[in-house]
Amino acid sequence: MQIESSAMQEARRRSRELAAKRVAGQAYLWLLLIVLYAPIFLIFIFSFTQSKIIGNWTGFTFHLYENLFTGYDATTHVRVDPNLYRAVAFTAIIAFAAATIATLLGTLAAIGLYNMRSRARKGITFLNSIPMINPDILTGISLFLLFVFLNISRGFVTVLIAHVVFCTPYVVLSVMPRLMQMNPNLYEAALDLGATPAQALKKVLLPELKPGMISGFILALTLSIDDFGVTFFTKGSNGLETLSTFIYADARKGGLTPELRPLFSLIFLTILILLIIMNIRTNKQINKQKK
């Protein structure tokens, strides 16, 4: 009886320890989520008030959203800074162009990397990871010095090149797992059945790599929109501004344009919806493969 009693006490003690660890783990996770998402939630909440300062609630209104879409403040009769719209336009153009080019280059690089010998593949993979580990400021300064050395005037083209350069390694990293999971005989089977290399690439490889390419494209798009360091050093002084550099210049004036709050909220919701759609599609594909 004493042995059974001690065993039961030990079991209860272990159960309490596991419960305490579980509660501590969940508390840590919720704390981490709060720290990550509280600033975004704060911006989202104060995008529905007219106050120019976050923290000063003056009542619920869509006033800032109206200003953002009309470009005119009906209350103060003042136009919204036109540089904001130019920055958004340049940001969107550069991000989509850089993400598209990086996805094409990264996919082709991943295919070439996959077909290398093991030792060469490891070496190139290591080199591919260096730009992702490097701080943005180091990449930006390096590209700045390169453009100065080559006597290339900085502007839209140099920013686009710079964004393609730092986005491409992430696309390679997104596509490689799909290549590793793919049946390596599919491509050779297509060639044996009479397909040309281009047809086999289009009809066999690309459909298999499509999920990785989409993930790489969205990742490259997000990185391009988010980037400041590389853009700051490669944009030159001809008036080109992206959203990140516009916010930096706006903050140095003593505050942020209030219309940035609804803009941030819309960008966050758009990316969130894209991620939800991607996760739903991925889960459907996984369920199909299980069946």
Protein backbone atom coordinates (compact mmCIF):
# COMPACT_ATOMS: atom_id res chain seq x y z
CA MET A 1 0.00 0.00 0.00
CA GLN A 2 2.83 2.36 0.83
CA ILE A 3 4.51 1.56 -2.52
CA GLU A 4 1.23 2.26 -4.39
CA SER A 5 0.70 5.46 -2.39
CA SER A 6 4.19 6.76 -3.19
CA ALA A 7 3.72 5.86 -6.86
CA MET A 8 0.44 7.77 -6.95
CA GLN A 9 2.04 10.76 -5.28
CA GLU A 10 4.88 10.72 -7.83
CA ALA A 11 2.35 10.51 -10.66
CA ARG A 12 0.41 13.47 -9.26
CA ARG A 13 3.63 15.47 -8.86
CA ARG A 14 4.63 14.80 -12.47
CA SER A 15 1.12 15.68 -13.62
CA ARG A 16 1.29 19.01 -11.78
CA GLU A 17 4.73 19.73 -13.27
CA LEU A 18 3.48 19.00 -16.79
CA ALA A 19 0.42 21.20 -16.20
CA ALA A 20 2.63 24.03 -14.90
CA LYS A 21 4.97 23.75 -17.91
CA ARG A 22 1.99 23.74 -20.27
CA VAL A 23 0.53 26.87 -18.64
CA ALA A 24 3.94 28.60 -18.68
CA GLY A 25 4.43 27.71 -22.35
CA GLN A 26 1.00 29.02 -23.32
CA ALA A 27 1.56 32.21 -21.31
CA TYR A 28 4.91 32.78 -23.05
CA LEU A 29 3.31 32.20 -26.45
CA TRP A 30 0.48 34.66 -25.75
CA LEU A 31 2.95 37.24 -24.42
CA LEU A 32 5.03 36.90 -27.58
CA LEU A 33 1.95 37.28 -29.79
CA ILE A 34 0.83 40.36 -27.84
CA VAL A 35 4.26 41.99 -28.21
CA LEU A 36 4.28 41.26 -31.96
CA TYR A 37 0.73 42.26 -32.81
CA ALA A 38 -0.11 44.98 -30.27
CA PRO A 39 1.54 47.77 -32.32
CA ILE A 40 -0.30 46.63 -35.48
CA PHE A 41 -3.58 46.41 -33.56
CA LEU A 42 -2.96 49.90 -32.14
CA ILE A 43 -2.43 51.36 -35.61
CA PHE A 44 -5.55 49.57 -36.88
CA ILE A 45 -7.70 50.94 -34.01
CA PHE A 46 -6.47 54.53 -34.37
CA SER A 47 -7.00 54.45 -38.14
CA PHE A 48 -10.69 54.90 -37.27
CA THR A 49 -10.24 58.22 -35.50
CA GLN A 50 -9.47 61.68 -36.86
CA SER A 51 -6.72 62.52 -34.38
CA LYS A 52 -3.30 63.23 -35.84
CA ILE A 53 -1.59 61.66 -32.81
CA ILE A 54 -1.87 57.97 -31.89
CA GLY A 55 -3.27 57.69 -28.37
CA ASN A 56 -5.68 60.62 -28.67
CA TRP A 57 -9.10 59.09 -29.46
CA THR A 58 -11.53 61.71 -30.82
CA GLY A 59 -14.37 59.42 -31.85
CA PHE A 60 -15.01 56.66 -34.38
CA THR A 61 -14.89 57.81 -38.00
CA PHE A 62 -13.76 56.75 -41.48
CA HIS A 63 -12.35 60.22 -42.03
CA LEU A 64 -8.73 59.08 -42.57
CA TYR A 65 -9.83 56.38 -45.01
CA GLU A 66 -11.80 58.99 -46.97
CA ASN A 67 -8.76 61.27 -47.02
CA LEU A 68 -6.56 58.41 -48.22
CA PHE A 69 -8.81 57.52 -51.15
CA THR A 70 -9.85 61.05 -52.14
CA GLY A 71 -6.49 62.72 -51.53
CA TYR A 72 -8.28 65.66 -49.90
CA ASP A 73 -9.20 66.49 -46.30
CA ALA A 74 -12.76 67.84 -46.43
CA THR A 75 -12.51 69.15 -42.84
CA THR A 76 -9.34 71.23 -43.11
CA HIS A 77 -9.57 71.74 -46.91
CA VAL A 78 -5.95 70.60 -47.24
CA ARG A 79 -4.69 68.08 -49.78
CA VAL A 80 -3.00 64.93 -48.55
CA ASP A 81 0.74 65.00 -49.26
CA PRO A 82 1.02 63.95 -52.94
CA ASN A 83 4.45 62.47 -52.21
CA LEU A 84 2.67 59.74 -50.26
CA TYR A 85 0.82 58.54 -53.37
CA ARG A 86 3.96 58.70 -55.48
CA ALA A 87 5.79 56.66 -52.82
CA VAL A 88 3.00 54.06 -52.79
CA ALA A 89 3.04 53.85 -56.60
CA PHE A 90 6.82 53.43 -56.78
CA THR A 91 6.71 50.90 -53.95
CA ALA A 92 4.07 48.80 -55.72
CA ILE A 93 5.79 48.96 -59.13
CA ILE A 94 9.22 48.09 -57.74
CA ALA A 95 7.87 45.36 -55.44
CA PHE A 96 5.86 43.55 -58.15
CA ALA A 97 8.62 43.91 -60.77
CA ALA A 98 11.36 42.79 -58.36
CA ALA A 99 9.27 39.88 -57.04
CA THR A 100 8.46 38.69 -60.58
CA ILE A 101 12.06 38.88 -61.80
CA ALA A 102 13.39 37.35 -58.56
CA THR A 103 10.87 34.48 -58.83
CA LEU A 104 11.97 33.66 -62.38
CA LEU A 105 15.69 33.93 -61.60
CA GLY A 106 15.36 32.14 -58.27
CA THR A 107 13.39 29.24 -59.77
CA LEU A 108 15.92 28.73 -62.57
CA ALA A 109 18.78 29.00 -60.04
CA ALA A 110 17.11 26.42 -57.77
CA ILE A 111 16.69 23.99 -60.69
CA GLY A 112 20.35 24.43 -61.66
CA LEU A 113 21.43 24.08 -58.04
CA TYR A 114 19.38 20.90 -57.63
CA ASN A 115 21.12 19.29 -60.62
CA MET A 116 24.62 19.99 -59.31
CA ARG A 117 26.78 17.44 -57.56
CA SER A 118 26.41 17.19 -53.82
CA ARG A 119 29.62 19.03 -52.89
CA ALA A 120 29.05 21.88 -55.37
CA ARG A 121 25.42 22.14 -54.28
CA LYS A 122 26.42 22.56 -50.64
CA GLY A 123 28.94 25.25 -51.56
CA ILE A 124 26.49 27.26 -53.68
CA THR A 125 23.75 26.84 -51.06
CA PHE A 126 26.12 28.29 -48.48
CA LEU A 127 26.88 31.25 -50.78
CA ASN A 128 23.16 31.73 -51.38
CA SER A 129 22.52 32.00 -47.64
CA ILE A 130 25.09 34.78 -47.10
CA PRO A 131 22.94 37.62 -48.58
CA MET A 132 20.05 36.56 -46.32
CA ILE A 133 22.26 36.69 -43.21
CA ASN A 134 23.91 40.00 -44.14
CA PRO A 135 22.35 43.11 -42.59
CA ASP A 136 20.41 45.26 -45.05
CA ILE A 137 22.69 48.20 -44.45
CA LEU A 138 25.74 46.18 -45.52
CA THR A 139 24.00 45.04 -48.71
CA GLY A 140 22.85 48.60 -49.39
CA ILE A 141 26.32 50.12 -48.93
CA SER A 142 27.91 47.39 -51.07
CA LEU A 143 25.48 48.01 -53.93
CA PHE A 144 25.90 51.77 -53.53
CA LEU A 145 29.68 51.46 -53.89
CA LEU A 146 29.26 49.13 -56.87
CA PHE A 147 26.99 51.60 -58.70
CA VAL A 148 29.38 54.46 -57.93
CA PHE A 149 32.34 52.40 -59.17
CA LEU A 150 30.51 51.56 -62.40
CA ASN A 151 29.42 55.21 -62.75
CA ILE A 152 25.74 54.25 -62.86
CA SER A 153 23.38 57.06 -61.89
CA ARG A 154 21.15 55.94 -59.06
CA GLY A 155 17.39 55.94 -59.46
CA PHE A 156 14.53 53.61 -60.33
CA VAL A 157 16.69 51.07 -62.20
CA THR A 158 19.30 50.77 -59.46
CA VAL A 159 16.61 50.31 -56.79
CA LEU A 160 14.95 47.61 -58.90
CA ILE A 161 18.28 45.81 -59.44
CA ALA A 162 19.06 46.02 -55.73
CA HIS A 163 15.66 44.57 -54.76
CA VAL A 164 16.05 41.71 -57.24
CA VAL A 165 19.50 40.97 -55.82
CA PHE A 166 18.40 40.62 -52.20
CA CYS A 167 15.05 38.92 -52.98
CA THR A 168 16.36 36.16 -55.28
CA PRO A 169 18.08 34.08 -52.55
CA TYR A 170 14.79 33.86 -50.65
CA VAL A 171 13.04 32.53 -53.74
CA VAL A 172 15.75 29.89 -54.15
CA LEU A 173 15.21 28.90 -50.53
CA SER A 174 11.44 28.61 -51.14
CA VAL A 175 11.69 26.54 -54.33
CA MET A 176 14.41 24.08 -53.23
CA PRO A 177 12.21 22.08 -50.80
CA ARG A 178 9.70 21.45 -53.61
CA LEU A 179 12.51 20.13 -55.81
CA MET A 180 13.70 17.85 -53.02
CA GLN A 181 10.18 16.45 -52.56
CA MET A 182 9.57 15.95 -56.29
CA ASN A 183 10.10 12.63 -58.01
CA PRO A 184 13.44 13.11 -59.83
CA ASN A 185 12.39 10.76 -62.64
CA LEU A 186 9.48 12.91 -63.86
CA TYR A 187 11.64 15.26 -65.90
CA GLU A 188 13.64 12.44 -67.51
CA ALA A 189 10.43 10.53 -68.21
CA ALA A 190 9.04 13.53 -70.07
CA LEU A 191 12.22 13.72 -72.17
CA ASP A 192 12.03 9.99 -72.92
CA LEU A 193 8.45 10.43 -74.11
CA GLY A 194 9.53 12.98 -76.70
CA ALA A 195 9.21 16.31 -74.89
CA THR A 196 11.83 18.97 -75.48
CA PRO A 197 13.68 20.38 -72.42
CA ALA A 198 11.58 23.55 -72.66
CA GLN A 199 8.34 21.53 -72.82
CA ALA A 200 9.40 19.34 -69.91
CA LEU A 201 10.23 22.46 -67.91
CA LYS A 202 6.87 24.05 -68.70
CA LYS A 203 4.63 20.97 -68.44
CA VAL A 204 6.37 18.97 -65.68
CA LEU A 205 8.74 20.99 -63.52
CA LEU A 206 6.90 24.30 -63.19
CA PRO A 207 3.53 22.78 -62.12
CA GLU A 208 5.38 20.81 -59.44
CA LEU A 209 7.27 23.89 -58.30
CA LYS A 210 4.27 26.23 -58.43
CA PRO A 211 3.55 26.27 -54.64
CA GLY A 212 7.19 27.08 -53.87
CA MET A 213 7.23 29.76 -56.57
CA ILE A 214 4.09 31.39 -55.16
CA SER A 215 5.56 31.32 -51.65
CA GLY A 216 8.81 32.82 -52.96
CA PHE A 217 6.93 35.50 -54.89
CA ILE A 218 4.90 36.59 -51.85
CA LEU A 219 8.01 36.54 -49.65
CA ALA A 220 9.95 38.62 -52.20
CA LEU A 221 7.00 41.02 -52.53
CA THR A 222 6.82 41.49 -48.76
CA LEU A 223 10.59 41.96 -48.43
CA SER A 224 10.62 44.54 -51.22
CA ILE A 225 7.76 46.55 -49.70
CA ASP A 226 9.40 46.38 -46.27
CA ASP A 227 12.96 47.24 -47.29
CA PHE A 228 14.57 50.50 -46.22
CA GLY A 229 18.33 50.02 -45.96
CA VAL A 230 18.99 48.86 -49.51
CA THR A 231 16.53 51.36 -51.01
CA PHE A 232 17.98 54.30 -49.06
CA PHE A 233 21.48 53.76 -50.44
CA THR A 234 20.46 53.02 -54.04
CA LYS A 235 17.62 55.47 -54.74
CA GLY A 236 19.83 58.48 -55.44
CA SER A 237 18.77 62.11 -55.07
CA ASN A 238 16.41 62.53 -58.03
CA GLY A 239 13.22 62.51 -55.93
CA LEU A 240 12.48 58.78 -56.00
CA GLU A 241 10.82 57.70 -52.75
CA THR A 242 9.38 54.36 -51.70
CA LEU A 243 7.01 53.97 -48.79
CA SER A 244 9.80 53.14 -46.33
CA THR A 245 11.97 56.11 -47.28
CA PHE A 246 8.93 58.42 -47.32
CA ILE A 247 8.04 57.35 -43.76
CA TYR A 248 11.64 57.95 -42.66
CA ALA A 249 11.63 61.47 -44.15
CA ASP A 250 8.15 62.14 -42.74
CA ALA A 251 9.17 61.04 -39.23
CA ARG A 252 12.18 63.36 -39.30
CA LYS A 253 9.79 66.30 -39.76
CA GLY A 254 8.33 65.64 -36.33
CA GLY A 255 5.46 63.26 -36.95
CA LEU A 256 3.78 60.84 -39.33
CA THR A 257 1.08 61.66 -41.86
CA PRO A 258 -2.21 60.43 -40.29
CA GLU A 259 -3.28 58.79 -43.57
CA LEU A 260 -0.43 56.33 -43.12
CA ARG A 261 -2.47 54.56 -40.42
CA PRO A 262 -5.29 53.41 -42.75
CA LEU A 263 -2.69 52.62 -45.42
CA PHE A 264 -0.77 50.36 -43.01
CA SER A 265 -4.02 48.68 -41.96
CA LEU A 266 -5.01 47.93 -45.56
CA ILE A 267 -1.56 46.55 -46.41
CA PHE A 268 -1.63 44.30 -43.32
CA LEU A 269 -5.13 43.01 -44.11
CA THR A 270 -4.18 42.32 -47.74
CA ILE A 271 -1.12 40.29 -46.74
CA LEU A 272 -3.14 38.49 -44.06
CA ILE A 273 -5.82 37.49 -46.59
CA LEU A 274 -3.16 36.24 -49.02
CA LEU A 275 -1.58 34.11 -46.30
CA ILE A 276 -4.96 32.65 -45.31
CA ILE A 277 -5.71 31.77 -48.93
CA MET A 278 -2.28 30.16 -49.31
CA ASN A 279 -2.72 28.10 -46.14
CA ILE A 280 -6.17 26.92 -47.26
CA ARG A 281 -4.81 25.87 -50.66
CA THR A 282 -1.83 24.14 -49.06
CA ASN A 283 -4.10 22.21 -46.67
CA LYS A 284 -6.31 21.14 -49.58
CA GLN A 285 -3.29 19.85 -51.50
CA ILE A 286 -2.04 17.96 -48.45
CA ASN A 287 -5.48 16.37 -47.96
CA LYS A 288 -5.60 15.36 -51.63
CA GLN A 289 -2.16 13.74 -51.38
CA LYS A 290 -3.25 11.81 -48.27
CA LYS A 291 -6.30 10.47 -50.08
